[in-house]
Protein backbone atom coordinates (compact mmCIF):
# COMPACT_ATOMS: atom_id res chain seq x y z
CA UNK A 1 55.35 -36.94 -70.73
CA UNK A 2 55.52 -36.94 -66.97
CA UNK A 3 56.56 -34.69 -64.15
CA UNK A 4 55.40 -31.24 -63.22
CA UNK A 5 56.07 -29.73 -66.67
CA UNK A 6 53.58 -32.17 -68.20
CA UNK A 7 50.25 -30.77 -69.33
CA UNK A 8 48.25 -32.71 -66.74
CA UNK A 9 50.11 -31.69 -63.61
CA UNK A 10 49.75 -29.44 -60.59
CA UNK A 11 46.43 -27.55 -60.67
CA UNK A 12 45.47 -29.02 -64.04
CA UNK A 13 45.53 -32.51 -62.54
CA UNK A 14 43.01 -31.23 -59.98
CA UNK A 15 40.64 -29.88 -62.64
CA UNK A 16 41.06 -33.08 -64.60
CA UNK A 17 40.63 -35.69 -61.83
CA UNK A 18 36.87 -35.90 -62.35
CA UNK A 19 37.34 -37.59 -65.73
CA UNK A 20 39.60 -40.56 -64.95
CA UNK A 21 37.81 -40.97 -61.61
CA UNK A 22 34.42 -41.35 -63.29
CA UNK A 23 35.22 -42.94 -66.66
CA UNK A 24 38.26 -45.15 -66.03
CA UNK A 25 38.46 -46.03 -62.33
CA UNK A 26 34.82 -45.62 -61.26
CA UNK A 27 36.05 -44.21 -57.97
CA UNK A 28 35.11 -40.61 -57.18
CA UNK A 29 35.00 -40.97 -53.40
CA UNK A 30 38.06 -42.87 -52.21
CA UNK A 31 40.42 -42.00 -55.09
CA UNK A 32 42.36 -45.18 -54.35
CA UNK A 33 43.75 -45.12 -57.88
CA UNK A 34 45.72 -41.90 -57.39
CA UNK A 35 48.76 -43.27 -55.57
CA UNK A 36 49.67 -45.52 -58.50
CA UNK A 37 49.30 -42.66 -60.98
CA UNK A 38 51.33 -40.32 -58.78
CA UNK A 39 54.16 -42.85 -58.49
CA UNK A 40 54.21 -43.48 -62.25
CA UNK A 41 53.81 -39.96 -63.65
CA UNK A 42 54.81 -37.65 -60.73
CA UNK A 43 52.41 -34.88 -61.77
CA UNK A 44 52.80 -32.91 -58.56
CA UNK A 45 50.62 -32.85 -55.45
CA UNK A 46 47.50 -34.19 -57.13
CA UNK A 47 46.03 -35.58 -53.94
CA UNK A 48 46.44 -32.05 -52.66
CA UNK A 49 43.74 -31.22 -55.22
CA UNK A 50 41.20 -33.23 -53.18
CA UNK A 51 40.52 -33.19 -49.45
CA UNK A 52 39.12 -35.61 -46.91
CA UNK A 53 35.57 -34.52 -46.08
CA UNK A 54 34.05 -35.24 -42.64
CA UNK A 55 31.87 -37.80 -44.44
CA UNK A 56 35.03 -39.88 -44.89
CA UNK A 57 35.11 -39.41 -48.67
CA UNK A 58 37.49 -37.37 -50.76
CA UNK A 59 36.04 -34.27 -52.43
CA UNK A 60 37.68 -32.52 -55.39
CA UNK A 61 39.13 -29.14 -54.51
CA UNK A 62 38.21 -27.53 -57.83
CA UNK A 63 34.74 -27.41 -59.40
CA UNK A 64 34.01 -29.50 -62.47
CA UNK A 65 33.65 -26.86 -65.18
CA UNK A 66 37.14 -27.34 -66.57
CA UNK A 67 36.71 -31.13 -66.59
CA UNK A 68 33.57 -30.69 -68.71
CA UNK A 69 35.59 -28.61 -71.16
CA UNK A 70 38.30 -31.26 -71.22
CA UNK A 71 35.82 -34.08 -71.78
CA UNK A 72 35.82 -34.28 -75.63
CA UNK A 73 39.62 -34.32 -75.73
CA UNK A 74 39.80 -36.84 -72.90
CA UNK A 75 37.32 -39.19 -74.59
CA UNK A 76 39.18 -38.98 -77.90
CA UNK A 77 42.45 -39.87 -76.15
CA UNK A 78 40.78 -42.68 -74.23
CA UNK A 79 39.53 -44.28 -77.43
CA UNK A 80 42.94 -43.98 -79.13
CA UNK A 81 45.31 -44.77 -76.25
CA UNK A 82 45.44 -48.57 -76.44
CA UNK A 83 45.35 -48.79 -80.28
CA UNK A 84 48.35 -46.44 -80.26
CA UNK A 85 50.19 -48.66 -77.80
CA UNK A 86 49.75 -46.58 -74.64
CA UNK A 87 48.01 -47.49 -71.37
CA UNK A 88 44.46 -46.21 -71.13
CA UNK A 89 45.08 -44.86 -67.64
CA UNK A 90 44.15 -41.21 -68.12
CA UNK A 91 47.69 -39.83 -67.89
CA UNK A 92 49.72 -41.45 -70.67
CA UNK A 93 50.94 -39.53 -73.71
CA UNK A 94 47.66 -39.52 -75.73
CA UNK A 95 45.81 -37.83 -72.86
CA UNK A 96 48.56 -35.28 -72.37
CA UNK A 97 48.71 -34.48 -76.09
CA UNK A 98 44.93 -34.31 -76.45
CA UNK A 99 44.50 -31.85 -73.57
CA UNK A 100 47.46 -29.78 -74.78
CA UNK A 101 46.28 -29.52 -78.39
CA UNK A 102 42.69 -29.03 -77.28
CA UNK A 103 43.79 -26.11 -75.12
CA UNK A 104 45.65 -24.53 -78.04
CA UNK A 105 42.63 -24.93 -80.33
CA UNK A 106 40.38 -23.33 -77.72
CA UNK A 107 42.81 -20.41 -77.50
CA UNK A 108 42.66 -19.90 -81.26
CA UNK A 109 38.85 -20.02 -81.20
CA UNK A 110 38.90 -17.35 -78.51
CA UNK A 111 41.14 -15.08 -80.58
CA UNK A 112 38.98 -15.59 -83.68
CA UNK A 113 35.85 -14.54 -81.82
CA UNK A 114 37.65 -11.66 -80.13
CA UNK A 115 38.62 -10.34 -83.56
CA UNK A 116 35.03 -10.70 -84.81
CA UNK A 117 33.85 -8.71 -81.78
CA UNK A 118 36.47 -5.97 -82.13
CA UNK A 119 35.70 -5.44 -85.82
CA UNK A 120 32.20 -4.35 -84.81
CA UNK A 121 33.66 -1.41 -82.91
CA UNK A 122 37.13 -0.71 -84.32
CA UNK A 123 39.01 -0.64 -87.59
CA UNK A 124 40.88 -3.64 -88.97
CA UNK A 125 44.16 -1.97 -88.01
CA UNK A 126 43.10 -1.37 -84.40
CA UNK A 127 41.72 -4.89 -84.03
CA UNK A 128 45.01 -6.31 -85.29
CA UNK A 129 46.98 -4.21 -82.80
CA UNK A 130 44.77 -5.39 -79.94
CA UNK A 131 45.18 -9.05 -80.92
CA UNK A 132 48.94 -8.52 -81.21
CA UNK A 133 49.09 -6.79 -77.82
CA UNK A 134 47.20 -9.56 -76.03
CA UNK A 135 48.37 -12.57 -78.00
CA UNK A 136 52.12 -11.89 -77.94
CA UNK A 137 52.56 -8.90 -75.65
CA UNK A 138 50.83 -10.17 -72.51
CA UNK A 139 50.98 -13.24 -70.32
CA UNK A 140 48.12 -14.65 -72.40
CA UNK A 141 50.97 -16.06 -74.52
CA UNK A 142 52.09 -18.17 -71.56
CA UNK A 143 48.61 -19.33 -70.56
CA UNK A 144 47.42 -20.06 -74.08
CA UNK A 145 50.55 -21.33 -75.81
CA UNK A 146 52.39 -23.13 -73.01
CA UNK A 147 50.27 -23.77 -69.92
CA UNK A 148 47.00 -23.56 -71.81
CA UNK A 149 45.26 -26.29 -69.81
CA UNK A 150 44.86 -23.92 -66.87
CA UNK A 151 41.37 -22.47 -66.57
CA UNK A 152 42.31 -18.97 -67.69
CA UNK A 153 42.73 -19.69 -71.38
CA UNK A 154 39.44 -21.58 -71.52
CA UNK A 155 37.59 -18.88 -69.59
CA UNK A 156 39.04 -16.28 -71.98
CA UNK A 157 37.30 -18.12 -74.81
CA UNK A 158 34.08 -18.60 -72.81
CA UNK A 159 33.96 -14.84 -72.21
CA UNK A 160 34.58 -14.10 -75.90
CA UNK A 161 31.66 -16.38 -76.78
CA UNK A 162 29.54 -14.77 -74.07
CA UNK A 163 30.19 -11.25 -75.40
CA UNK A 164 29.48 -12.35 -78.97
CA UNK A 165 26.24 -14.10 -77.99
CA UNK A 166 25.14 -11.14 -75.87
CA UNK A 167 25.62 -8.76 -78.79
CA UNK A 168 23.63 -11.09 -81.05
CA UNK A 169 20.86 -11.46 -78.47
CA UNK A 170 20.29 -7.71 -78.16
CA UNK A 171 20.29 -7.39 -81.93
CA UNK A 172 17.68 -10.13 -82.29
CA UNK A 173 16.46 -11.77 -79.06
CA UNK A 174 16.01 -15.50 -79.55
CA UNK A 175 15.60 -18.52 -77.28
CA UNK A 176 18.76 -20.08 -78.68
CA UNK A 177 20.90 -17.06 -77.83
CA UNK A 178 19.33 -16.85 -74.38
CA UNK A 179 20.06 -20.51 -73.70
CA UNK A 180 23.68 -20.12 -74.81
CA UNK A 181 24.12 -17.06 -72.57
CA UNK A 182 22.83 -19.08 -69.62
CA UNK A 183 25.02 -22.09 -70.41
CA UNK A 184 28.16 -20.00 -70.86
CA UNK A 185 27.58 -18.02 -67.66
CA UNK A 186 26.87 -21.13 -65.61
CA UNK A 187 29.82 -22.94 -67.15
CA UNK A 188 32.15 -20.07 -66.22
CA UNK A 189 30.88 -20.15 -62.63
CA UNK A 190 31.51 -23.88 -62.18
CA UNK A 191 34.96 -23.44 -63.70
CA UNK A 192 35.93 -20.72 -61.24
CA UNK A 193 33.19 -19.56 -58.84
CA UNK A 194 34.60 -16.02 -58.87
CA UNK A 195 33.46 -15.82 -62.51
CA UNK A 196 29.99 -14.95 -61.22
CA UNK A 197 31.14 -11.47 -62.28
CA UNK A 198 30.37 -12.59 -65.85
CA UNK A 199 26.66 -11.84 -65.29
CA UNK A 200 27.54 -8.17 -65.77
CA UNK A 201 28.05 -8.80 -69.48
CA UNK A 202 24.56 -9.98 -70.49
CA UNK A 203 22.71 -7.85 -67.94
CA UNK A 204 24.34 -4.44 -68.48
CA UNK A 205 25.75 -4.56 -72.02
CA UNK A 206 24.69 -1.35 -73.75
CA UNK A 207 23.39 0.31 -70.57
CA UNK A 208 24.98 3.73 -70.05
CA UNK A 209 22.35 5.74 -68.19
CA UNK A 210 19.37 5.39 -65.88
CA UNK A 211 17.08 5.82 -68.87
CA UNK A 212 18.88 3.02 -70.69
CA UNK A 213 18.62 0.89 -67.54
CA UNK A 214 14.85 1.35 -67.50
CA UNK A 215 14.70 0.41 -71.19
CA UNK A 216 16.76 -2.71 -70.47
CA UNK A 217 14.47 -3.72 -67.62
CA UNK A 218 11.45 -3.35 -69.90
CA UNK A 219 13.16 -5.37 -72.64
CA UNK A 220 13.91 -8.19 -70.21
CA UNK A 221 10.30 -8.18 -69.00
CA UNK A 222 9.13 -8.35 -72.59
CA UNK A 223 11.33 -11.39 -73.15
CA UNK A 224 10.75 -12.88 -69.72
CA UNK A 225 10.47 -16.43 -71.07
CA UNK A 226 13.85 -16.16 -72.77
CA UNK A 227 15.37 -14.67 -69.61
CA UNK A 228 13.92 -17.55 -67.62
CA UNK A 229 15.40 -20.00 -70.11
CA UNK A 230 18.84 -18.40 -69.66
CA UNK A 231 18.44 -18.70 -65.89
CA UNK A 232 17.39 -22.34 -66.11
CA UNK A 233 20.39 -23.18 -68.31
CA UNK A 234 22.77 -21.40 -65.94
CA UNK A 235 21.14 -23.13 -62.98
CA UNK A 236 21.44 -26.52 -64.69
CA UNK A 237 25.20 -26.05 -65.01
CA UNK A 238 25.51 -25.09 -61.35
CA UNK A 239 23.28 -28.04 -60.37
CA UNK A 240 25.81 -30.44 -61.92
CA UNK A 241 28.37 -29.26 -59.39
CA UNK A 242 25.90 -29.42 -56.52
CA UNK A 243 24.90 -32.95 -57.54
CA UNK A 244 28.56 -34.02 -57.38
CA UNK A 245 28.92 -32.55 -53.88
CA UNK A 246 25.77 -34.35 -52.76
CA UNK A 247 27.11 -37.61 -54.21
CA UNK A 248 30.61 -37.32 -52.76
CA UNK A 249 29.99 -35.54 -49.46
CA UNK A 250 26.26 -35.88 -48.77
CA UNK A 251 25.86 -32.09 -48.85
CA UNK A 252 24.47 -29.86 -51.58
CA UNK A 253 27.01 -27.09 -50.97
CA UNK A 254 30.64 -27.70 -50.00
CA UNK A 255 33.39 -25.09 -49.64
CA UNK A 256 36.16 -27.13 -51.19
CA UNK A 257 39.01 -24.61 -50.85
CA UNK A 258 39.28 -25.36 -47.11
CA UNK A 259 41.41 -22.69 -45.38
CA UNK A 260 41.90 -20.60 -48.53
CA UNK A 261 39.62 -17.64 -48.97
CA UNK A 262 39.17 -13.91 -49.53
CA UNK A 263 40.13 -10.77 -47.66
CA UNK A 264 37.67 -8.24 -49.00
CA UNK A 265 38.79 -5.22 -46.97
CA UNK A 266 41.41 -4.32 -47.91
CA UNK A 267 42.20 -6.37 -51.03
CA UNK A 268 45.78 -6.77 -52.28
CA UNK A 269 45.36 -4.44 -55.24
CA UNK A 270 48.77 -2.79 -55.08
CA UNK A 271 50.53 -6.16 -54.90
CA UNK A 272 48.43 -7.59 -57.73
CA UNK A 273 49.35 -4.66 -59.95
CA UNK A 274 52.98 -3.95 -59.08
CA UNK A 275 54.55 -6.68 -56.96
CA UNK A 276 57.69 -8.31 -58.33
CA UNK A 277 56.32 -11.57 -57.00
CA UNK A 278 53.46 -11.70 -59.49
CA UNK A 279 52.46 -8.16 -60.44
CA UNK A 280 50.18 -7.93 -63.46
CA UNK A 281 51.78 -4.80 -64.90
CA UNK A 282 55.31 -5.93 -64.01
CA UNK A 283 55.15 -9.07 -66.15
CA UNK A 284 52.64 -7.80 -68.72
CA UNK A 285 53.56 -4.09 -69.08
CA UNK A 286 51.64 -4.03 -72.37
CA UNK A 287 48.47 -3.95 -70.30
CA UNK A 288 49.42 -0.48 -69.01
CA UNK A 289 48.03 0.66 -72.38
CA UNK A 290 44.74 -1.02 -71.45
CA UNK A 291 44.63 0.83 -68.12
CA UNK A 292 44.99 4.14 -69.98
CA UNK A 293 42.43 2.98 -72.52
CA UNK A 294 39.88 2.28 -69.82
CA UNK A 295 39.58 6.04 -69.28
CA UNK A 296 39.24 6.62 -73.05
CA UNK A 297 36.34 4.20 -73.43
CA UNK A 298 33.66 6.64 -72.32
CA UNK A 299 34.50 8.90 -75.24
CA UNK A 300 35.17 6.15 -77.77
CA UNK A 301 32.37 3.68 -76.92
CA UNK A 302 30.00 5.46 -74.52
CA UNK A 303 27.16 2.92 -74.86
CA UNK A 304 29.13 -0.11 -73.68
CA UNK A 305 31.82 1.61 -71.59
CA UNK A 306 29.98 1.37 -68.22
CA UNK A 307 29.51 -2.41 -68.44
CA UNK A 308 33.12 -2.96 -69.53
CA UNK A 309 34.60 -0.71 -66.84
CA UNK A 310 32.37 -2.22 -64.15
CA UNK A 311 33.36 -5.74 -65.19
CA UNK A 312 37.10 -4.94 -65.33
CA UNK A 313 37.13 -3.22 -61.95
CA UNK A 314 35.00 -5.93 -60.32
CA UNK A 315 37.23 -8.68 -61.74
CA UNK A 316 40.36 -6.84 -60.53
CA UNK A 317 38.85 -6.44 -57.07
CA UNK A 318 37.90 -10.12 -56.78
CA UNK A 319 41.32 -11.19 -58.06
CA UNK A 320 43.01 -8.95 -55.49
CA UNK A 321 40.85 -10.12 -52.61
CA UNK A 322 42.02 -13.74 -52.84
CA UNK A 323 44.43 -14.34 -49.96
CA UNK A 324 46.92 -16.18 -52.17
CA UNK A 325 46.95 -13.14 -54.43
CA UNK A 326 50.06 -14.36 -56.35
CA UNK A 327 48.14 -17.51 -57.39
CA UNK A 328 50.89 -20.04 -56.79
CA UNK A 329 53.51 -20.29 -59.51
CA UNK A 330 51.92 -17.59 -61.64
CA UNK A 331 53.81 -15.72 -64.35
CA UNK A 332 52.31 -12.35 -63.61
CA UNK A 333 48.64 -12.32 -62.71
CA UNK A 334 47.16 -15.35 -64.45
CA UNK A 335 43.78 -14.70 -62.84
CA UNK A 336 43.44 -11.54 -64.95
CA UNK A 337 43.57 -13.39 -68.27
CA UNK A 338 39.91 -14.38 -68.41
CA UNK A 339 39.08 -10.67 -68.20
CA UNK A 340 41.21 -9.81 -71.25
CA UNK A 341 38.27 -9.95 -73.70
CA UNK A 342 36.84 -6.97 -71.81
CA UNK A 343 40.19 -5.24 -71.38
CA UNK A 344 40.57 -5.65 -75.15
CA UNK A 345 38.04 -2.85 -75.63
CA UNK A 346 40.22 -0.59 -73.48
CA UNK A 347 43.22 -1.56 -75.59
CA UNK A 348 41.18 -0.77 -78.70
CA UNK A 349 40.34 2.69 -77.37
CA UNK A 350 44.02 3.28 -76.61
CA UNK A 351 45.27 2.10 -80.01
CA UNK A 352 42.61 4.15 -81.81
CA UNK A 353 44.31 7.17 -80.27
CA UNK A 354 47.95 6.04 -80.24
CA UNK A 355 48.25 4.54 -83.74
CA UNK A 356 47.46 7.71 -85.65
CA UNK A 357 50.28 8.81 -88.00
CA UNK A 358 52.89 10.93 -86.29
CA UNK A 359 55.20 10.82 -83.30
CA UNK A 360 52.75 8.90 -81.13
CA UNK A 361 52.68 5.96 -83.52
CA UNK A 362 56.49 5.72 -83.55
CA UNK A 363 56.76 6.13 -79.78
CA UNK A 364 54.24 3.42 -78.99
CA UNK A 365 55.52 1.15 -81.74
CA UNK A 366 58.91 1.20 -80.00
CA UNK A 367 57.30 0.59 -76.58
CA UNK A 368 55.22 -2.26 -78.01
CA UNK A 369 58.29 -3.96 -79.48
CA UNK A 370 60.04 -3.68 -76.10
CA UNK A 371 57.02 -5.06 -74.24
CA UNK A 372 56.69 -7.97 -76.66
CA UNK A 373 60.37 -8.80 -76.22
CA UNK A 374 60.03 -8.76 -72.43
CA UNK A 375 56.91 -10.90 -72.51
CA UNK A 376 58.51 -13.54 -74.75
CA UNK A 377 61.66 -13.34 -72.63
CA UNK A 378 59.75 -13.96 -69.38
CA UNK A 379 57.84 -16.85 -70.96
CA UNK A 380 61.14 -18.42 -72.04
CA UNK A 381 62.69 -17.91 -68.61
CA UNK A 382 59.72 -19.58 -66.92
CA UNK A 383 60.40 -22.85 -68.74
CA UNK A 384 63.81 -23.03 -70.40
CA UNK A 385 65.90 -20.00 -69.48
CA UNK A 386 65.76 -20.61 -65.74
CA UNK A 387 65.86 -16.96 -64.64
CA UNK A 388 62.25 -16.88 -63.42
CA UNK A 389 61.57 -18.33 -59.97
CA UNK A 390 57.82 -18.63 -59.20
CA UNK A 391 56.70 -17.13 -55.89
CA UNK A 392 60.26 -15.96 -55.11
CA UNK A 393 60.82 -12.92 -57.33
CA UNK A 394 61.94 -9.63 -55.77
CA UNK A 395 62.08 -6.15 -57.23
CA UNK A 396 65.86 -6.03 -56.97
CA UNK A 397 66.26 -9.34 -58.79
CA UNK A 398 63.73 -8.42 -61.51
CA UNK A 399 65.52 -5.16 -62.32
CA UNK A 400 68.88 -6.93 -62.28
CA UNK A 401 68.04 -9.69 -64.74
CA UNK A 402 65.22 -8.27 -66.87
CA UNK A 403 65.81 -8.83 -70.57
CA UNK A 404 69.32 -10.24 -70.16
CA UNK A 405 70.49 -13.36 -71.95
CA UNK A 406 73.00 -14.26 -69.23
CA UNK A 407 73.01 -13.70 -65.49
CA UNK A 408 75.63 -14.11 -62.81
CA UNK A 409 74.96 -16.66 -60.11
CA UNK A 410 75.74 -14.11 -57.43
CA UNK A 411 72.61 -12.22 -58.46
CA UNK A 412 70.50 -15.04 -57.04
CA UNK A 413 71.20 -13.53 -53.62
CA UNK A 414 68.72 -10.82 -54.59
CA UNK A 415 65.93 -13.40 -54.48
CA UNK A 416 66.38 -13.51 -50.71
CA UNK A 417 67.26 -9.93 -49.76
CA UNK A 418 67.57 -6.47 -51.23
CA UNK A 419 71.10 -5.43 -50.17
CA UNK A 420 73.66 -5.45 -52.97
CA UNK A 421 77.27 -4.35 -52.64
CA UNK A 422 78.46 -3.01 -56.02
CA UNK A 423 81.70 -1.34 -54.98
CA UNK A 424 85.08 -2.81 -54.07
CA UNK A 425 86.14 -3.99 -50.63
CA UNK A 426 88.24 -1.53 -48.71
CA UNK A 427 91.95 -2.37 -48.52
CA UNK A 428 91.64 -2.40 -44.74
CA UNK A 429 89.06 -4.83 -43.37
CA UNK A 430 88.36 -5.29 -39.69
CA UNK A 431 87.91 -8.92 -38.73
CA UNK A 432 85.40 -9.25 -35.91
CA UNK A 433 84.71 -12.98 -35.88
CA UNK A 434 86.13 -16.20 -37.30
CA UNK A 435 84.99 -19.72 -36.43
CA UNK A 436 86.34 -22.96 -37.86
CA UNK A 437 84.91 -25.27 -35.16
CA UNK A 438 88.28 -26.91 -34.57
CA UNK A 439 88.17 -26.03 -30.87
CA UNK A 440 84.46 -26.64 -30.40
CA UNK A 441 83.68 -29.65 -28.24
CA UNK A 442 79.88 -29.39 -28.09
CA UNK A 443 77.59 -32.13 -29.35
CA UNK A 444 76.64 -30.06 -32.40
CA UNK A 445 80.12 -30.47 -33.86
CA UNK A 446 81.25 -33.78 -35.29
CA UNK A 447 84.17 -35.21 -37.20
CA UNK A 448 82.31 -37.16 -39.89
CA UNK A 449 83.57 -36.00 -43.27
CA UNK A 450 84.64 -32.40 -42.64
CA UNK A 451 85.05 -29.84 -45.39
CA UNK A 452 88.50 -28.93 -44.09
CA UNK A 453 90.51 -29.58 -40.98
CA UNK A 454 89.13 -32.12 -38.56
CA UNK A 455 85.66 -30.76 -37.81
CA UNK A 456 82.64 -29.15 -39.47
CA UNK A 457 79.23 -28.17 -38.20
CA UNK A 458 76.42 -30.41 -39.44
CA UNK A 459 72.88 -29.11 -39.95
CA UNK A 460 70.18 -31.69 -40.67
CA UNK A 461 66.58 -32.63 -39.98
CA UNK A 462 67.31 -33.43 -36.35
CA UNK A 463 69.56 -30.42 -35.74
CA UNK A 464 68.12 -27.56 -37.77
CA UNK A 465 69.91 -24.61 -36.17
CA UNK A 466 73.53 -23.70 -35.70
CA UNK A 467 74.69 -21.73 -32.68
CA UNK A 468 74.21 -17.97 -33.02
CA UNK A 469 77.51 -16.14 -33.15
CA UNK A 470 77.05 -12.77 -31.45
CA UNK A 471 79.42 -9.85 -31.84
CA UNK A 472 79.65 -6.16 -31.14
CA UNK A 473 79.37 -3.80 -34.12
CA UNK A 474 82.66 -2.67 -35.68
CA UNK A 475 81.65 1.00 -35.62
CA UNK A 476 79.71 3.45 -37.75
CA UNK A 477 82.71 4.18 -39.98
CA UNK A 478 82.26 0.69 -41.46
CA UNK A 479 79.38 0.95 -43.90
CA UNK A 480 79.00 -2.76 -44.63
CA UNK A 481 79.10 -5.99 -42.64
CA UNK A 482 80.44 -8.96 -44.59
CA UNK A 483 79.71 -12.49 -43.43
CA UNK A 484 80.80 -15.69 -45.15
CA UNK A 485 80.21 -19.39 -44.83
CA UNK A 486 81.94 -22.36 -46.42
CA UNK A 487 79.34 -25.05 -46.94
CA UNK A 488 78.57 -28.31 -48.63
CA UNK A 489 75.12 -29.79 -49.29
CA UNK A 490 74.75 -33.44 -50.19
CA UNK A 491 72.20 -34.11 -51.47
CA UNK A 492 71.12 -30.69 -52.72
CA UNK A 493 67.68 -29.48 -51.64
CA UNK A 494 65.69 -28.28 -54.67
CA UNK A 495 62.54 -26.98 -52.94
CA UNK A 496 63.29 -23.35 -52.18
CA UNK A 497 61.13 -23.24 -49.05
CA UNK A 498 63.20 -26.08 -47.48
CA UNK A 499 66.68 -24.74 -48.35
CA UNK A 500 69.27 -24.08 -45.67
CA UNK A 501 69.39 -20.41 -44.69
CA UNK A 502 72.44 -18.34 -43.78
CA UNK A 503 71.13 -15.47 -41.67
CA UNK A 504 72.43 -12.13 -40.36
CA UNK A 505 70.34 -10.32 -37.74
CA UNK A 506 70.85 -6.86 -36.30
CA UNK A 507 69.37 -6.38 -32.84
CA UNK A 508 68.60 -3.42 -30.62
CA UNK A 509 68.28 -5.17 -27.29
CA UNK A 510 65.86 -8.05 -27.88
CA UNK A 511 64.31 -6.41 -30.93
CA UNK A 512 65.42 -7.48 -34.43
CA UNK A 513 65.80 -4.24 -36.39
CA UNK A 514 67.15 -5.78 -39.58
CA UNK A 515 67.54 -9.28 -40.99
CA UNK A 516 69.18 -10.57 -44.15
CA UNK A 517 69.36 -14.15 -45.40
CA UNK A 518 70.74 -16.33 -48.20
CA UNK A 519 69.37 -19.71 -49.22
CA UNK A 520 72.58 -21.64 -49.64
CA UNK A 521 71.47 -24.33 -52.09
CA UNK A 522 70.75 -21.72 -54.75
CA UNK A 523 74.48 -21.35 -55.18
CA UNK A 524 75.63 -24.93 -55.72
CA UNK A 525 74.86 -27.50 -58.41
CA UNK A 526 75.82 -30.63 -56.53
CA UNK A 527 77.82 -31.71 -53.51
CA UNK A 528 80.79 -29.39 -54.07
CA UNK A 529 82.06 -27.29 -51.18
CA UNK A 530 81.64 -23.56 -51.75
CA UNK A 531 82.30 -20.31 -49.94
CA UNK A 532 79.68 -17.60 -50.18
CA UNK A 533 79.55 -14.07 -48.82
CA UNK A 534 76.69 -11.89 -47.68
CA UNK A 535 77.29 -8.16 -47.39
CA UNK A 536 74.69 -6.22 -45.43
CA UNK A 537 74.46 -2.45 -45.38
CA UNK A 538 75.49 -1.14 -41.98
CA UNK A 539 75.10 2.63 -42.28
CA UNK A 540 71.34 2.56 -42.81
CA UNK A 541 70.99 1.59 -39.15
CA UNK A 542 73.27 4.35 -37.87
CA UNK A 543 72.57 7.92 -36.80
CA UNK A 544 75.07 10.74 -37.10
CA UNK A 545 74.33 11.80 -33.54
CA UNK A 546 74.99 8.60 -31.63
CA UNK A 547 77.12 6.78 -34.21
CA UNK A 548 75.59 3.59 -32.78
CA UNK A 549 73.97 1.11 -35.14
CA UNK A 550 72.68 -1.70 -32.94
CA UNK A 551 73.66 -3.57 -29.85
CA UNK A 552 74.58 -6.91 -31.41
CA UNK A 553 74.92 -8.68 -34.73
CA UNK A 554 74.06 -12.38 -34.87
CA UNK A 555 75.07 -14.92 -37.52
CA UNK A 556 73.36 -18.29 -37.78
CA UNK A 557 72.65 -21.14 -40.18
CA UNK A 558 69.22 -22.78 -40.29
CA UNK A 559 67.75 -25.49 -42.46
CA UNK A 560 66.58 -29.06 -42.79
CA UNK A 561 69.42 -30.41 -44.88
CA UNK A 562 72.64 -32.21 -44.18
CA UNK A 563 74.88 -29.23 -44.82
CA UNK A 564 78.21 -29.34 -42.99
CA UNK A 565 79.94 -26.00 -43.02
CA UNK A 566 81.87 -23.39 -41.10
CA UNK A 567 81.05 -19.73 -40.59
CA UNK A 568 83.48 -16.85 -40.89
CA UNK A 569 82.76 -13.16 -40.59
CA UNK A 570 85.80 -11.16 -41.66
C-alpha cells in the first residue's frame, strides 16, 4: 500500500507525521527520516506538510488533534508490524490498514450516535431517511467509506458526541459530562482550528429567546464549577498544541499555514455552494433538502433551531472564507462534512414534511434515488471511473458527463474551456493559416525526430513557447474558428498544471478579449502522434453593425514538456 491512493498520503500524512516522528524516529524538529519514507512509499508531498521555521526547525503544518485520534490505531499497528513480517516504520501495510479500519469504525460510531440523537426529536422513519440521505446520498460516503482518514469524518463523530453529551448535560448537569464537553470541544479545535465554532453547541443549545438566554446564563452561574472544569479540559487540549509549538519553534503560538489564510469580506459562498470545481450542492445535491429544512426547523424544533441555524451558517461562512475554498482535491465541499450532524436536524425537518403519504413522498423518493445514484457515481469516478478531475472540473464538463457510464475523450476539452461545437463543419471552409515548419530556419525549429516531413517544432523546459501565429479574422459570416495541432509528447506529462497548452487568443489591439486553451496531454495515452482540433465561437465577439470581431487572432503552444508538433489552422 503505497502511493497517493494509500490511506496515509497527502494531507493525511501531514496529520499523521506527529506519531512516527515522536514514537519511532524521535525526531520532531529536523524530520531527517522523511526522505527515506517518501522514496519508499511515495505518499505525496509529505514534507510539504511541514515548514522550515525561522528557528531552523521544521514545524508541522497541521495541528495535532487528528494524530491524537489516530494514536490507538497507530500503536496497535506498531506492536503488530514486525510480528506480521512488516517493517515497523510507520507507513507499512499494518499502519495503513489500522488507520483505514479505525477511520471506518469511527464513522460507524458517529452514525450510531447521530441516530440516537435524531430519535429524541424525530420518528424512526424520519431518522432512517436522514441517515440514508447523509450516509449514502452525500459526500459523507466518500469521506467516511473511502478517504475516511481525513479530518472531516472524525470531526463528524466528535460533533455527534458533543451534541449527545450536551443534551445529557442539560438534562442532568454533572462534572463528567462537563469534562467531556470541554475535551471534545478542545479536541475539535486542535484538529481544525476553525472548529472553534463548535462552542455554539454547548453554550446555546436550547436557547431560543432572550428570556431563555437569561435562564441559561443563570444555569451556568449555578454550575460555575462544572463550567470551569469544561474550560480547563478544553484549555488542556489546546495547551498540548501550544506545548508542541514551544518545543519545535520556541514560540507558544505559531501560524503554521504560512501564506494560506482567510478572506472574510467577501467570502466565496457562491463558489462553495454552486461551483463545478467543488460546489457543495453540485456534488451533494441531496443536501438541497437540508437547506430547505433549515427554514422548517423553527416550526418543527423551535427550542433548538436558533443554535442549529447559527452553527450551520457560521460553519458555512468560515468554510467559504478560506482562500483555497475548493480545499485541494475535494469531492464537493469536504469541509462541510463535520457540520452534517447539525444539518441532520434540517434534513429531519424536511423529511418530516416530505415523507408523508401522497404525491410528495413519491416525488422526493424519486429525487432521493437519483441523488444517491449521482453521489455513488461521483465517488466511483473519483477513484476508479476516472471521469472526475480534482480542482479542474467545469460546469460544461460536469453537465456533459454526469451520470454516464462512458464518455468520449473529446469531452475532456471542456475541462479547459467552455466552447463546444456540436454541429457539422460547413462544406466550404476558408483556410487562413497553415504551418508545417518545413521552410522555417529559426533556432526554434530542429530536425531531431520529426513527426512528419523533415522538421517539427520542439517545446521543452528550455524553450517553453512557440512563435505566435497571427492572422486577420476570416469575417463575421464565419461563426467558428477552427485551429488544429499535430503533436507528440514523450514522455507524457501527468500533472495537469504542467501540461503543454495549445492556445487561441482573440485581440482588440493589445487587449485580449477572448482566450481558449487545450491541455494537449489529456488527449494521448503515450508517445503516439495525434492531431487535435479546437473550435472557438467567433460570432459572440461580433456586432451586427460593424461586422468586425477583433483585430487579430493568435495561435500558440506553451508548456514545459518535450512536445514536438506542428500547428495548422484551416
